Amino acid sequence: MSNRDADLATVGRMRRAHAEMVVMSREGRLADALAETDPHRLGTYVVKILDVAPGLGKVAGRRLLGRLGVPAFARVADLDDRTREKILAEAERAVGVIDP
């Protein structure tokens, strides 16, 4: 396998992983998405998964990140446990119960 083929395979895995994170969030499993440990999934932008979270959406998700001081293009891997907990708590307050 050439370097190019290997690179294309890696990019494909990353794209699938990002898409899976978006699906998790869209299904209301925001806590699962933020708790991911898969290195390919950790590269997903937090704003992307908040944009599709039920009841949250683009504007509320971006405002939430702004209130918490999280950069607009922070990746899931950039978040510490405390910030993840704050995001979940704020999202729950905004929408109701997440991950019933």
Protein backbone atom coordinates (compact mmCIF):
# COMPACT_ATOMS: atom_id res chain seq x y z
CA MET A 1 0.00 0.00 0.00
CA SER A 2 1.43 3.36 -0.97
CA ASN A 3 1.65 6.36 1.33
CA ARG A 4 -1.16 8.01 -0.60
CA ASP A 5 -3.44 4.99 -0.15
CA ALA A 6 -2.64 4.86 3.56
CA ASP A 7 -3.36 8.59 3.89
CA LEU A 8 -6.67 8.23 2.06
CA ALA A 9 -7.65 5.33 4.33
CA THR A 10 -6.83 7.40 7.42
CA VAL A 11 -8.82 10.37 6.15
CA GLY A 12 -11.75 8.05 5.43
CA ARG A 13 -11.66 6.68 8.98
CA MET A 14 -11.54 10.20 10.40
CA ARG A 15 -14.49 11.36 8.31
CA ARG A 16 -16.56 8.35 9.36
CA ALA A 17 -15.63 8.95 13.00
CA HIS A 18 -16.67 12.61 12.80
CA ALA A 19 -19.96 11.63 11.15
CA GLU A 20 -20.61 9.08 13.91
CA MET A 21 -20.08 11.80 16.53
CA VAL A 22 -22.62 14.03 14.79
CA VAL A 23 -25.13 11.16 14.68
CA MET A 24 -24.62 10.49 18.41
CA SER A 25 -25.32 14.12 19.24
CA ARG A 26 -28.29 14.31 16.86
CA GLU A 27 -29.78 11.26 18.63
CA GLY A 28 -29.54 13.06 21.98
CA ARG A 29 -26.43 11.22 23.17
CA LEU A 30 -24.30 14.31 23.79
CA ALA A 31 -22.75 12.82 26.94
CA ASP A 32 -21.62 9.77 24.97
CA ALA A 33 -20.12 11.97 22.27
CA LEU A 34 -18.20 14.08 24.79
CA ALA A 35 -16.98 10.96 26.63
CA GLU A 36 -15.45 9.38 23.50
CA THR A 37 -11.90 8.07 23.69
CA ASP A 38 -11.40 6.97 20.07
CA PRO A 39 -8.52 9.11 18.73
CA HIS A 40 -10.29 9.62 15.39
CA ARG A 41 -13.44 10.86 17.14
CA LEU A 42 -11.56 13.16 19.51
CA GLY A 43 -10.67 15.38 16.57
CA THR A 44 -14.31 16.39 16.07
CA TYR A 45 -15.08 20.05 16.70
CA VAL A 46 -17.28 20.53 19.77
CA VAL A 47 -19.31 23.15 17.92
CA LYS A 48 -20.22 20.53 15.28
CA ILE A 49 -21.79 18.21 17.83
CA LEU A 50 -23.56 21.04 19.64
CA ASP A 51 -24.99 22.38 16.35
CA VAL A 52 -27.04 19.21 15.87
CA ALA A 53 -27.94 18.47 19.49
CA PRO A 54 -31.75 18.30 19.83
CA GLY A 55 -33.19 21.51 21.19
CA LEU A 56 -29.85 23.28 21.18
CA GLY A 57 -28.91 24.17 17.61
CA LYS A 58 -26.26 26.42 16.14
CA VAL A 59 -26.94 29.68 17.93
CA ALA A 60 -27.53 28.26 21.41
CA GLY A 61 -24.57 25.88 21.07
CA ARG A 62 -22.20 28.66 20.07
CA ARG A 63 -23.48 30.93 22.84
CA LEU A 64 -22.96 28.13 25.33
CA LEU A 65 -19.34 27.73 24.22
CA GLY A 66 -18.85 31.50 24.42
CA ARG A 67 -20.25 31.67 27.97
CA LEU A 68 -17.89 28.89 29.04
CA GLY A 69 -14.89 30.46 27.34
CA VAL A 70 -14.39 27.50 25.01
CA PRO A 71 -12.83 28.54 21.68
CA ALA A 72 -15.16 28.26 18.70
CA PHE A 73 -13.10 25.55 17.04
CA ALA A 74 -12.07 23.52 20.07
CA ARG A 75 -11.95 19.80 19.48
CA VAL A 76 -13.38 17.20 21.85
CA ALA A 77 -9.79 16.25 22.74
CA ASP A 78 -9.14 19.84 23.89
CA LEU A 79 -11.77 19.67 26.63
CA ASP A 80 -10.90 18.79 30.18
CA ASP A 81 -13.35 16.88 32.39
CA ARG A 82 -14.55 20.03 34.13
CA THR A 83 -15.38 21.75 30.83
CA ARG A 84 -17.19 18.65 29.56
CA GLU A 85 -19.31 18.59 32.72
CA LYS A 86 -20.12 22.29 32.34
CA ILE A 87 -21.15 21.82 28.70
CA LEU A 88 -23.43 18.92 29.64
CA ALA A 89 -24.95 20.81 32.57
CA GLU A 90 -25.60 23.93 30.46
CA ALA A 91 -27.00 21.86 27.59
CA GLU A 92 -29.27 19.98 29.98
CA ARG A 93 -30.54 23.25 31.42
CA ALA A 94 -31.19 24.58 27.94
CA VAL A 95 -32.91 21.48 26.59
CA GLY A 96 -34.02 19.27 29.43
CA VAL A 97 -32.75 15.78 30.08
CA ILE A 98 -29.90 14.55 27.89
CA ASP A 99 -29.11 10.82 27.81
CA PRO A 100 -32.23 9.68 29.72
